[in-house]
């Protein structure tokens, strides 16, 4: 982890600790929304239905992030760290990849 990424991670960690209430992304009931890549669909669901459900969860996570007081710090960290998975600071893997390039160029 680079110094820049470490600094951003510490800044985000401290900001999260200072919140009066934990952010919704930290609650287990919403975990699949923020990391829909790990979502396991019910048996028998079609690929198209799975992808639609995954996209809907991702969009729900983005909506939650928009009102989060640490959203910008979270997005800054995810972009600097080149996070390949999850919704971070209202950014998705696709939006972050557009900023820093394909995951194959990760440090």
PDB file of N, CA and C in Angstrom:
ATOM      1  N   UNK A   1       0.860  -1.177   0.000  1.00  0.00           N
ATOM      2  CA  UNK A   1       0.000   0.000   0.000  1.00  0.00           C
ATOM      3  C   UNK A   1       0.900   1.231   0.000  1.00  0.00           C
ATOM      4  N   UNK A   2       0.643   2.122  -0.921  1.00  0.00           N
ATOM      5  CA  UNK A   2       1.453   3.336  -1.012  1.00  0.00           C
ATOM      6  C   UNK A   2       1.174   4.265   0.177  1.00  0.00           C
ATOM      7  N   UNK A   3       2.073   5.226   0.374  1.00  0.00           N
ATOM      8  CA  UNK A   3       1.881   6.190   1.467  1.00  0.00           C
ATOM      9  C   UNK A   3       0.598   6.985   1.271  1.00  0.00           C
ATOM     10  N   UNK A   4       0.330   7.360   0.010  1.00  0.00           N
ATOM     11  CA  UNK A   4      -0.879   8.140  -0.278  1.00  0.00           C
ATOM     12  C   UNK A   4      -2.130   7.331   0.085  1.00  0.00           C
ATOM     13  N   UNK A   5      -2.158   6.077  -0.310  1.00  0.00           N
ATOM     14  CA  UNK A   5      -3.314   5.228  -0.013  1.00  0.00           C
ATOM     15  C   UNK A   5      -3.437   5.031   1.496  1.00  0.00           C
ATOM     16  N   UNK A   6      -2.322   4.817   2.171  1.00  0.00           N
ATOM     17  CA  UNK A   6      -2.332   4.654   3.633  1.00  0.00           C
ATOM     18  C   UNK A   6      -2.888   5.884   4.328  1.00  0.00           C
ATOM     19  N   UNK A   7      -2.457   7.065   3.877  1.00  0.00           N
ATOM     20  CA  UNK A   7      -2.943   8.313   4.469  1.00  0.00           C
ATOM     21  C   UNK A   7      -4.453   8.466   4.266  1.00  0.00           C
ATOM     22  N   UNK A   8      -4.897   8.174   3.041  1.00  0.00           N
ATOM     23  CA  UNK A   8      -6.328   8.293   2.752  1.00  0.00           C
ATOM     24  C   UNK A   8      -7.142   7.279   3.560  1.00  0.00           C
ATOM     25  N   UNK A   9      -6.610   6.080   3.719  1.00  0.00           N
ATOM     26  CA  UNK A   9      -7.287   5.048   4.511  1.00  0.00           C
ATOM     27  C   UNK A   9      -7.396   5.473   5.972  1.00  0.00           C
ATOM     28  N   UNK A  10      -6.308   6.004   6.516  1.00  0.00           N
ATOM     29  CA  UNK A  10      -6.338   6.474   7.911  1.00  0.00           C
ATOM     30  C   UNK A  10      -7.310   7.636   8.081  1.00  0.00           C
ATOM     31  N   UNK A  11      -7.298   8.564   7.142  1.00  0.00           N
ATOM     32  CA  UNK A  11      -8.211   9.705   7.190  1.00  0.00           C
ATOM     33  C   UNK A  11      -9.662   9.216   7.178  1.00  0.00           C
ATOM     34  N   UNK A  12      -9.962   8.276   6.301  1.00  0.00           N
ATOM     35  CA  UNK A  12     -11.311   7.712   6.223  1.00  0.00           C
ATOM     36  C   UNK A  12     -11.658   6.965   7.503  1.00  0.00           C
ATOM     37  N   UNK A  13     -10.750   6.169   8.010  1.00  0.00           N
ATOM     38  CA  UNK A  13     -10.991   5.410   9.246  1.00  0.00           C
ATOM     39  C   UNK A  13     -11.312   6.327  10.421  1.00  0.00           C
ATOM     40  N   UNK A  14     -10.552   7.410  10.543  1.00  0.00           N
ATOM     41  CA  UNK A  14     -10.789   8.370  11.630  1.00  0.00           C
ATOM     42  C   UNK A  14     -12.134   9.071  11.450  1.00  0.00           C
ATOM     43  N   UNK A  15     -12.461   9.426  10.230  1.00  0.00           N
ATOM     44  CA  UNK A  15     -13.745  10.085   9.966  1.00  0.00           C
ATOM     45  C   UNK A  15     -14.898   9.144  10.286  1.00  0.00           C
ATOM     46  N   UNK A  16     -14.762   7.877   9.938  1.00  0.00           N
ATOM     47  CA  UNK A  16     -15.813   6.893  10.249  1.00  0.00           C
ATOM     48  C   UNK A  16     -15.971   6.731  11.760  1.00  0.00           C
ATOM     49  N   UNK A  17     -14.848   6.709  12.476  1.00  0.00           N
ATOM     50  CA  UNK A  17     -14.892   6.560  13.936  1.00  0.00           C
ATOM     51  C   UNK A  17     -15.533   7.773  14.607  1.00  0.00           C
ATOM     52  N   UNK A  18     -15.434   8.936  13.977  1.00  0.00           N
ATOM     53  CA  UNK A  18     -15.985  10.159  14.548  1.00  0.00           C
ATOM     54  C   UNK A  18     -17.485  10.339  14.291  1.00  0.00           C
ATOM     55  N   UNK A  19     -18.059   9.517  13.425  1.00  0.00           N
ATOM     56  CA  UNK A  19     -19.491   9.639  13.130  1.00  0.00           C
ATOM     57  C   UNK A  19     -20.331   9.269  14.351  1.00  0.00           C
ATOM     58  N   UNK A  20     -21.433   9.962  14.532  1.00  0.00           N
ATOM     59  CA  UNK A  20     -22.327   9.656  15.648  1.00  0.00           C
ATOM     60  C   UNK A  20     -22.975   8.284  15.471  1.00  0.00           C
ATOM     61  N   UNK A  21     -23.317   7.962  14.238  1.00  0.00           N
ATOM     62  CA  UNK A  21     -23.910   6.662  13.920  1.00  0.00           C
ATOM     63  C   UNK A  21     -23.067   6.014  12.834  1.00  0.00           C
ATOM     64  N   UNK A  22     -22.923   4.682  12.884  1.00  0.00           N
ATOM     65  CA  UNK A  22     -22.142   4.033  11.826  1.00  0.00           C
ATOM     66  C   UNK A  22     -22.843   4.167  10.473  1.00  0.00           C
ATOM     67  N   UNK A  23     -22.077   4.241   9.402  1.00  0.00           N
ATOM     68  CA  UNK A  23     -22.697   4.370   8.080  1.00  0.00           C
ATOM     69  C   UNK A  23     -23.456   3.088   7.718  1.00  0.00           C
ATOM     70  N   UNK A  24     -24.434   3.226   6.852  1.00  0.00           N
ATOM     71  CA  UNK A  24     -25.254   2.073   6.468  1.00  0.00           C
ATOM     72  C   UNK A  24     -24.428   0.982   5.799  1.00  0.00           C
ATOM     73  N   UNK A  25     -23.343   1.340   5.131  1.00  0.00           N
ATOM     74  CA  UNK A  25     -22.522   0.335   4.451  1.00  0.00           C
ATOM     75  C   UNK A  25     -21.894  -0.644   5.426  1.00  0.00           C
ATOM     76  N   UNK A  26     -21.798  -0.268   6.702  1.00  0.00           N
ATOM     77  CA  UNK A  26     -21.187  -1.149   7.693  1.00  0.00           C
ATOM     78  C   UNK A  26     -22.187  -2.131   8.300  1.00  0.00           C
ATOM     79  N   UNK A  27     -23.454  -1.974   7.967  1.00  0.00           N
ATOM     80  CA  UNK A  27     -24.471  -2.851   8.530  1.00  0.00           C
ATOM     81  C   UNK A  27     -24.614  -4.116   7.688  1.00  0.00           C
ATOM     82  N   UNK A  28     -24.560  -5.285   8.336  1.00  0.00           N
ATOM     83  CA  UNK A  28     -24.608  -6.552   7.600  1.00  0.00           C
ATOM     84  C   UNK A  28     -25.805  -6.699   6.651  1.00  0.00           C
ATOM     85  N   UNK A  29     -26.934  -6.131   6.997  1.00  0.00           N
ATOM     86  CA  UNK A  29     -28.128  -6.275   6.158  1.00  0.00           C
ATOM     87  C   UNK A  29     -27.937  -5.636   4.780  1.00  0.00           C
ATOM     88  N   UNK A  30     -27.039  -4.662   4.669  1.00  0.00           N
ATOM     89  CA  UNK A  30     -26.797  -3.971   3.399  1.00  0.00           C
ATOM     90  C   UNK A  30     -25.510  -4.409   2.700  1.00  0.00           C
ATOM     91  N   UNK A  31     -24.772  -5.326   3.281  1.00  0.00           N
ATOM     92  CA  UNK A  31     -23.461  -5.710   2.748  1.00  0.00           C
ATOM     93  C   UNK A  31     -23.518  -6.132   1.275  1.00  0.00           C
ATOM     94  N   UNK A  32     -24.535  -6.913   0.901  1.00  0.00           N
ATOM     95  CA  UNK A  32     -24.655  -7.345  -0.498  1.00  0.00           C
ATOM     96  C   UNK A  32     -24.851  -6.165  -1.439  1.00  0.00           C
ATOM     97  N   UNK A  33     -25.463  -5.095  -0.968  1.00  0.00           N
ATOM     98  CA  UNK A  33     -25.667  -3.926  -1.819  1.00  0.00           C
ATOM     99  C   UNK A  33     -24.341  -3.286  -2.165  1.00  0.00           C
ATOM    100  N   UNK A  34     -23.455  -3.216  -1.186  1.00  0.00           N
ATOM    101  CA  UNK A  34     -22.176  -2.534  -1.382  1.00  0.00           C
ATOM    102  C   UNK A  34     -21.109  -3.421  -2.014  1.00  0.00           C
ATOM    103  N   UNK A  35     -21.272  -4.715  -1.890  1.00  0.00           N
ATOM    104  CA  UNK A  35     -20.353  -5.672  -2.507  1.00  0.00           C
ATOM    105  C   UNK A  35     -21.161  -6.734  -3.236  1.00  0.00           C
ATOM    106  N   UNK A  36     -21.904  -6.283  -4.248  1.00  0.00           N
ATOM    107  CA  UNK A  36     -22.821  -7.171  -4.962  1.00  0.00           C
ATOM    108  C   UNK A  36     -22.084  -8.233  -5.772  1.00  0.00           C
ATOM    109  N   UNK A  37     -20.771  -8.070  -5.975  1.00  0.00           N
ATOM    110  CA  UNK A  37     -19.999  -9.077  -6.693  1.00  0.00           C
ATOM    111  C   UNK A  37     -20.018 -10.413  -5.956  1.00  0.00           C
ATOM    112  N   UNK A  38     -20.149 -10.363  -4.645  1.00  0.00           N
ATOM    113  CA  UNK A  38     -20.171 -11.585  -3.836  1.00  0.00           C
ATOM    114  C   UNK A  38     -21.573 -12.108  -3.568  1.00  0.00           C
ATOM    115  N   UNK A  39     -22.569 -11.439  -4.116  1.00  0.00           N
ATOM    116  CA  UNK A  39     -23.961 -11.834  -3.916  1.00  0.00           C
ATOM    117  C   UNK A  39     -24.210 -13.207  -4.542  1.00  0.00           C
ATOM    118  N   UNK A  40     -24.797 -14.099  -3.774  1.00  0.00           N
ATOM    119  CA  UNK A  40     -25.115 -15.439  -4.269  1.00  0.00           C
ATOM    120  C   UNK A  40     -26.616 -15.496  -4.519  1.00  0.00           C
ATOM    121  N   UNK A  41     -27.009 -15.642  -5.781  1.00  0.00           N
ATOM    122  CA  UNK A  41     -28.436 -15.647  -6.102  1.00  0.00           C
ATOM    123  C   UNK A  41     -29.113 -16.939  -5.663  1.00  0.00           C
ATOM    124  N   UNK A  42     -30.432 -16.884  -5.578  1.00  0.00           N
ATOM    125  CA  UNK A  42     -31.204 -18.084  -5.264  1.00  0.00           C
ATOM    126  C   UNK A  42     -31.067 -19.064  -6.413  1.00  0.00           C
ATOM    127  N   UNK A  43     -31.157 -20.319  -6.084  1.00  0.00           N
ATOM    128  CA  UNK A  43     -31.019 -21.370  -7.087  1.00  0.00           C
ATOM    129  C   UNK A  43     -32.101 -21.225  -8.157  1.00  0.00           C
ATOM    130  N   UNK A  44     -31.707 -21.371  -9.406  1.00  0.00           N
ATOM    131  CA  UNK A  44     -32.648 -21.321 -10.513  1.00  0.00           C
ATOM    132  C   UNK A  44     -32.856 -19.953 -11.138  1.00  0.00           C
ATOM    133  N   UNK A  45     -32.198 -18.928 -10.614  1.00  0.00           N
ATOM    134  CA  UNK A  45     -32.360 -17.583 -11.179  1.00  0.00           C
ATOM    135  C   UNK A  45     -31.540 -17.486 -12.480  1.00  0.00           C
ATOM    136  N   UNK A  46     -32.101 -16.852 -13.472  1.00  0.00           N
ATOM    137  CA  UNK A  46     -31.405 -16.716 -14.759  1.00  0.00           C
ATOM    138  C   UNK A  46     -30.257 -15.720 -14.641  1.00  0.00           C
ATOM    139  N   UNK A  47     -29.317 -15.803 -15.577  1.00  0.00           N
ATOM    140  CA  UNK A  47     -28.183 -14.873 -15.586  1.00  0.00           C
ATOM    141  C   UNK A  47     -28.651 -13.430 -15.729  1.00  0.00           C
ATOM    142  N   UNK A  48     -29.639 -13.218 -16.585  1.00  0.00           N
ATOM    143  CA  UNK A  48     -30.155 -11.861 -16.800  1.00  0.00           C
ATOM    144  C   UNK A  48     -30.796 -11.324 -15.526  1.00  0.00           C
ATOM    145  N   UNK A  49     -31.558 -12.158 -14.850  1.00  0.00           N
ATOM    146  CA  UNK A  49     -32.207 -11.740 -13.600  1.00  0.00           C
ATOM    147  C   UNK A  49     -31.164 -11.476 -12.519  1.00  0.00           C
ATOM    148  N   UNK A  50     -30.135 -12.309 -12.486  1.00  0.00           N
ATOM    149  CA  UNK A  50     -29.049 -12.118 -11.524  1.00  0.00           C
ATOM    150  C   UNK A  50     -28.347 -10.781 -11.758  1.00  0.00           C
ATOM    151  N   UNK A  51     -28.001 -10.499 -13.012  1.00  0.00           N
ATOM    152  CA  UNK A  51     -27.333  -9.241 -13.329  1.00  0.00           C
ATOM    153  C   UNK A  51     -28.207  -8.034 -13.026  1.00  0.00           C
ATOM    154  N   UNK A  52     -29.509  -8.155 -13.295  1.00  0.00           N
ATOM    155  CA  UNK A  52     -30.438  -7.057 -12.998  1.00  0.00           C
ATOM    156  C   UNK A  52     -30.528  -6.829 -11.491  1.00  0.00           C
ATOM    157  N   UNK A  53     -30.573  -7.914 -10.729  1.00  0.00           N
ATOM    158  CA  UNK A  53     -30.642  -7.793  -9.270  1.00  0.00           C
ATOM    159  C   UNK A  53     -29.343  -7.210  -8.719  1.00  0.00           C
ATOM    160  N   UNK A  54     -28.221  -7.639  -9.267  1.00  0.00           N
ATOM    161  CA  UNK A  54     -26.929  -7.120  -8.842  1.00  0.00           C
ATOM    162  C   UNK A  54     -26.829  -5.615  -9.128  1.00  0.00           C
ATOM    163  N   UNK A  55     -27.276  -5.193 -10.303  1.00  0.00           N
ATOM    164  CA  UNK A  55     -27.246  -3.771 -10.674  1.00  0.00           C
ATOM    165  C   UNK A  55     -28.165  -2.948  -9.762  1.00  0.00           C
ATOM    166  N   UNK A  56     -29.345  -3.501  -9.437  1.00  0.00           N
ATOM    167  CA  UNK A  56     -30.276  -2.797  -8.553  1.00  0.00           C
ATOM    168  C   UNK A  56     -29.673  -2.609  -7.162  1.00  0.00           C
ATOM    169  N   UNK A  57     -28.975  -3.614  -6.661  1.00  0.00           N
ATOM    170  CA  UNK A  57     -28.330  -3.500  -5.351  1.00  0.00           C
ATOM    171  C   UNK A  57     -27.230  -2.445  -5.394  1.00  0.00           C
ATOM    172  N   UNK A  58     -26.458  -2.453  -6.470  1.00  0.00           N
ATOM    173  CA  UNK A  58     -25.382  -1.476  -6.634  1.00  0.00           C
ATOM    174  C   UNK A  58     -25.944  -0.049  -6.660  1.00  0.00           C
ATOM    175  N   UNK A  59     -27.022   0.154  -7.396  1.00  0.00           N
ATOM    176  CA  UNK A  59     -27.648   1.487  -7.461  1.00  0.00           C
ATOM    177  C   UNK A  59     -28.207   1.913  -6.111  1.00  0.00           C
ATOM    178  N   UNK A  60     -28.757   0.958  -5.353  1.00  0.00           N
ATOM    179  CA  UNK A  60     -29.250   1.271  -4.007  1.00  0.00           C
ATOM    180  C   UNK A  60     -28.102   1.719  -3.113  1.00  0.00           C
ATOM    181  N   UNK A  61     -26.968   1.053  -3.231  1.00  0.00           N
ATOM    182  CA  UNK A  61     -25.791   1.427  -2.446  1.00  0.00           C
ATOM    183  C   UNK A  61     -25.317   2.831  -2.811  1.00  0.00           C
ATOM    184  N   UNK A  62     -25.287   3.128  -4.096  1.00  0.00           N
ATOM    185  CA  UNK A  62     -24.869   4.465  -4.554  1.00  0.00           C
ATOM    186  C   UNK A  62     -25.800   5.529  -3.969  1.00  0.00           C
ATOM    187  N   UNK A  63     -27.093   5.267  -3.969  1.00  0.00           N
ATOM    188  CA  UNK A  63     -28.056   6.234  -3.406  1.00  0.00           C
ATOM    189  C   UNK A  63     -27.795   6.478  -1.925  1.00  0.00           C
ATOM    190  N   UNK A  64     -27.462   5.427  -1.202  1.00  0.00           N
ATOM    191  CA  UNK A  64     -27.157   5.566   0.225  1.00  0.00           C
ATOM    192  C   UNK A  64     -25.888   6.406   0.399  1.00  0.00           C
ATOM    193  N   UNK A  65     -24.889   6.131  -0.402  1.00  0.00           N
ATOM    194  CA  UNK A  65     -23.603   6.853  -0.305  1.00  0.00           C
ATOM    195  C   UNK A  65     -23.753   8.351  -0.514  1.00  0.00           C
ATOM    196  N   UNK A  66     -24.626   8.736  -1.396  1.00  0.00           N
ATOM    197  CA  UNK A  66     -24.748  10.141  -1.763  1.00  0.00           C
ATOM    198  C   UNK A  66     -24.980  11.035  -0.544  1.00  0.00           C
ATOM    199  N   UNK A  67     -25.695  10.531   0.458  1.00  0.00           N
ATOM    200  CA  UNK A  67     -25.973  11.353   1.633  1.00  0.00           C
ATOM    201  C   UNK A  67     -25.003  11.099   2.790  1.00  0.00           C
ATOM    202  N   UNK A  68     -23.999  10.284   2.566  1.00  0.00           N
ATOM    203  CA  UNK A  68     -23.043   9.950   3.633  1.00  0.00           C
ATOM    204  C   UNK A  68     -22.053  11.095   3.833  1.00  0.00           C
ATOM    205  N   UNK A  69     -21.791  11.478   5.078  1.00  0.00           N
ATOM    206  CA  UNK A  69     -20.880  12.594   5.334  1.00  0.00           C
ATOM    207  C   UNK A  69     -19.410  12.302   5.000  1.00  0.00           C
ATOM    208  N   UNK A  70     -19.039  11.042   4.826  1.00  0.00           N
ATOM    209  CA  UNK A  70     -17.649  10.712   4.492  1.00  0.00           C
ATOM    210  C   UNK A  70     -17.510  10.222   3.047  1.00  0.00           C
ATOM    211  N   UNK A  71     -18.532  10.479   2.236  1.00  0.00           N
ATOM    212  CA  UNK A  71     -18.564   9.981   0.857  1.00  0.00           C
ATOM    213  C   UNK A  71     -17.314  10.374   0.066  1.00  0.00           C
ATOM    214  N   UNK A  72     -16.929  11.634   0.117  1.00  0.00           N
ATOM    215  CA  UNK A  72     -15.781  12.086  -0.673  1.00  0.00           C
ATOM    216  C   UNK A  72     -14.486  11.414  -0.234  1.00  0.00           C
ATOM    217  N   UNK A  73     -14.290  11.284   1.062  1.00  0.00           N
ATOM    218  CA  UNK A  73     -13.085  10.611   1.565  1.00  0.00           C
ATOM    219  C   UNK A  73     -13.076   9.146   1.141  1.00  0.00           C
ATOM    220  N   UNK A  74     -14.223   8.525   1.179  1.00  0.00           N
ATOM    221  CA  UNK A  74     -14.362   7.127   0.801  1.00  0.00           C
ATOM    222  C   UNK A  74     -14.036   6.943  -0.686  1.00  0.00           C
ATOM    223  N   UNK A  75     -14.589   7.799  -1.514  1.00  0.00           N
ATOM    224  CA  UNK A  75     -14.315   7.736  -2.954  1.00  0.00           C
ATOM    225  C   UNK A  75     -12.842   8.014  -3.238  1.00  0.00           C
ATOM    226  N   UNK A  76     -12.272   9.004  -2.562  1.00  0.00           N
ATOM    227  CA  UNK A  76     -10.851   9.323  -2.754  1.00  0.00           C
ATOM    228  C   UNK A  76      -9.980   8.108  -2.441  1.00  0.00           C
ATOM    229  N   UNK A  77     -10.285   7.440  -1.327  1.00  0.00           N
ATOM    230  CA  UNK A  77      -9.528   6.241  -0.956  1.00  0.00           C
ATOM    231  C   UNK A  77      -9.670   5.160  -2.031  1.00  0.00           C
ATOM    232  N   UNK A  78     -10.912   4.872  -2.444  1.00  0.00           N
ATOM    233  CA  UNK A  78     -11.162   3.793  -3.405  1.00  0.00           C
ATOM    234  C   UNK A  78     -10.472   4.046  -4.740  1.00  0.00           C
ATOM    235  N   UNK A  79     -10.460   5.289  -5.166  1.00  0.00           N
ATOM    236  CA  UNK A  79      -9.808   5.637  -6.428  1.00  0.00           C
ATOM    237  C   UNK A  79      -8.291   5.502  -6.292  1.00  0.00           C
ATOM    238  N   UNK A  80      -7.731   6.012  -5.206  1.00  0.00           N
ATOM    239  CA  UNK A  80      -6.281   5.919  -4.993  1.00  0.00           C
ATOM    240  C   UNK A  80      -5.832   4.467  -4.820  1.00  0.00           C
ATOM    241  N   UNK A  81      -6.652   3.671  -4.139  1.00  0.00           N
ATOM    242  CA  UNK A  81      -6.310   2.270  -3.890  1.00  0.00           C
ATOM    243  C   UNK A  81      -6.652   1.368  -5.074  1.00  0.00           C
ATOM    244  N   UNK A  82      -7.338   1.948  -6.051  1.00  0.00           N
ATOM    245  CA  UNK A  82      -7.774   1.200  -7.235  1.00  0.00           C
ATOM    246  C   UNK A  82      -8.592  -0.029  -6.841  1.00  0.00           C
ATOM    247  N   UNK A  83      -9.545   0.218  -5.926  1.00  0.00           N
ATOM    248  CA  UNK A  83     -10.438  -0.849  -5.475  1.00  0.00           C
ATOM    249  C   UNK A  83     -11.203  -1.407  -6.665  1.00  0.00           C
ATOM    250  N   UNK A  84     -11.088  -2.696  -6.870  1.00  0.00           N
ATOM    251  CA  UNK A  84     -11.723  -3.345  -8.023  1.00  0.00           C
ATOM    252  C   UNK A  84     -13.140  -3.825  -7.717  1.00  0.00           C
ATOM    253  N   UNK A  85     -13.518  -3.838  -6.448  1.00  0.00           N
ATOM    254  CA  UNK A  85     -14.824  -4.364  -6.067  1.00  0.00           C
ATOM    255  C   UNK A  85     -15.548  -3.414  -5.133  1.00  0.00           C
ATOM    256  N   UNK A  86     -16.856  -3.476  -5.167  1.00  0.00           N
ATOM    257  CA  UNK A  86     -17.688  -2.755  -4.223  1.00  0.00           C
ATOM    258  C   UNK A  86     -18.005  -1.318  -4.595  1.00  0.00           C
ATOM    259  N   UNK A  87     -18.991  -0.797  -3.884  1.00  0.00           N
ATOM    260  CA  UNK A  87     -19.374   0.611  -4.011  1.00  0.00           C
ATOM    261  C   UNK A  87     -18.664   1.356  -2.884  1.00  0.00           C
ATOM    262  N   UNK A  88     -17.902   2.350  -3.254  1.00  0.00           N
ATOM    263  CA  UNK A  88     -17.139   3.166  -2.308  1.00  0.00           C
ATOM    264  C   UNK A  88     -17.421   4.630  -2.619  1.00  0.00           C
ATOM    265  N   UNK A  89     -17.967   5.356  -1.672  1.00  0.00           N
ATOM    266  CA  UNK A  89     -18.191   6.788  -1.869  1.00  0.00           C
ATOM    267  C   UNK A  89     -19.025   7.101  -3.096  1.00  0.00           C
ATOM    268  N   UNK A  90     -20.031   6.312  -3.325  1.00  0.00           N
ATOM    269  CA  UNK A  90     -20.955   6.465  -4.462  1.00  0.00           C
ATOM    270  C   UNK A  90     -20.295   6.195  -5.810  1.00  0.00           C
ATOM    271  N   UNK A  91     -19.143   5.518  -5.791  1.00  0.00           N
ATOM    272  CA  UNK A  91     -18.511   5.110  -7.046  1.00  0.00           C
ATOM    273  C   UNK A  91     -18.573   3.593  -7.160  1.00  0.00           C
ATOM    274  N   UNK A  92     -18.756   3.116  -8.366  1.00  0.00           N
ATOM    275  CA  UNK A  92     -18.802   1.679  -8.633  1.00  0.00           C
ATOM    276  C   UNK A  92     -17.470   1.259  -9.252  1.00  0.00           C
ATOM    277  N   UNK A  93     -17.218  -0.036  -9.338  1.00  0.00           N
ATOM    278  CA  UNK A  93     -15.989  -0.464  -9.999  1.00  0.00           C
ATOM    279  C   UNK A  93     -15.877   0.086 -11.424  1.00  0.00           C
ATOM    280  N   UNK A  94     -16.992   0.175 -12.113  1.00  0.00           N
ATOM    281  CA  UNK A  94     -16.992   0.687 -13.487  1.00  0.00           C
ATOM    282  C   UNK A  94     -16.616   2.164 -13.517  1.00  0.00           C
ATOM    283  N   UNK A  95     -17.199   2.961 -12.624  1.00  0.00           N
ATOM    284  CA  UNK A  95     -16.875   4.399 -12.626  1.00  0.00           C
ATOM    285  C   UNK A  95     -15.435   4.636 -12.193  1.00  0.00           C
ATOM    286  N   UNK A  96     -14.962   3.870 -11.223  1.00  0.00           N
ATOM    287  CA  UNK A  96     -13.561   4.040 -10.795  1.00  0.00           C
ATOM    288  C   UNK A  96     -12.600   3.596 -11.886  1.00  0.00           C
ATOM    289  N   UNK A  97     -12.921   2.517 -12.569  1.00  0.00           N
ATOM    290  CA  UNK A  97     -12.064   2.025 -13.640  1.00  0.00           C
ATOM    291  C   UNK A  97     -11.944   3.058 -14.757  1.00  0.00           C
ATOM    292  N   UNK A  98     -13.010   3.794 -14.994  1.00  0.00           N
ATOM    293  CA  UNK A  98     -12.969   4.851 -16.013  1.00  0.00           C
ATOM    294  C   UNK A  98     -12.007   5.961 -15.602  1.00  0.00           C
ATOM    295  N   UNK A  99     -11.795   6.131 -14.295  1.00  0.00           N
ATOM    296  CA  UNK A  99     -10.894   7.163 -13.795  1.00  0.00           C
ATOM    297  C   UNK A  99      -9.440   6.702 -13.850  1.00  0.00           C
ATOM    298  N   UNK A 100      -9.169   5.480 -13.370  1.00  0.00           N
ATOM    299  CA  UNK A 100      -7.774   5.043 -13.291  1.00  0.00           C
ATOM    300  C   UNK A 100      -7.374   3.947 -14.261  1.00  0.00           C
ATOM    301  N   UNK A 101      -8.277   3.519 -15.119  1.00  0.00           N
ATOM    302  CA  UNK A 101      -7.942   2.511 -16.124  1.00  0.00           C
ATOM    303  C   UNK A 101      -8.305   1.114 -15.655  1.00  0.00           C
ATOM    304  N   UNK A 102      -8.100   0.132 -16.502  1.00  0.00           N
ATOM    305  CA  UNK A 102      -8.459  -1.255 -16.185  1.00  0.00           C
ATOM    306  C   UNK A 102      -7.733  -1.782 -14.963  1.00  0.00           C
ATOM    307  N   UNK A 103      -8.347  -2.763 -14.308  1.00  0.00           N
ATOM    308  CA  UNK A 103      -7.768  -3.368 -13.101  1.00  0.00           C
ATOM    309  C   UNK A 103      -6.383  -3.968 -13.360  1.00  0.00           C
ATOM    310  N   UNK A 104      -6.103  -4.329 -14.593  1.00  0.00           N
ATOM    311  CA  UNK A 104      -4.800  -4.909 -14.916  1.00  0.00           C
ATOM    312  C   UNK A 104      -3.657  -3.913 -14.692  1.00  0.00           C
ATOM    313  N   UNK A 105      -3.980  -2.629 -14.589  1.00  0.00           N
ATOM    314  CA  UNK A 105      -2.952  -1.608 -14.367  1.00  0.00           C
ATOM    315  C   UNK A 105      -2.795  -1.271 -12.893  1.00  0.00           C
ATOM    316  N   UNK A 106      -3.394  -2.069 -12.013  1.00  0.00           N
ATOM    317  CA  UNK A 106      -3.298  -1.803 -10.584  1.00  0.00           C
ATOM    318  C   UNK A 106      -1.850  -1.923 -10.131  1.00  0.00           C
ATOM    319  N   UNK A 107      -1.527  -1.142  -9.095  1.00  0.00           N
ATOM    320  CA  UNK A 107      -0.151  -1.150  -8.554  1.00  0.00           C
ATOM    321  C   UNK A 107       0.097  -2.413  -7.776  1.00  0.00           C
TER     322      UNK A 107
END
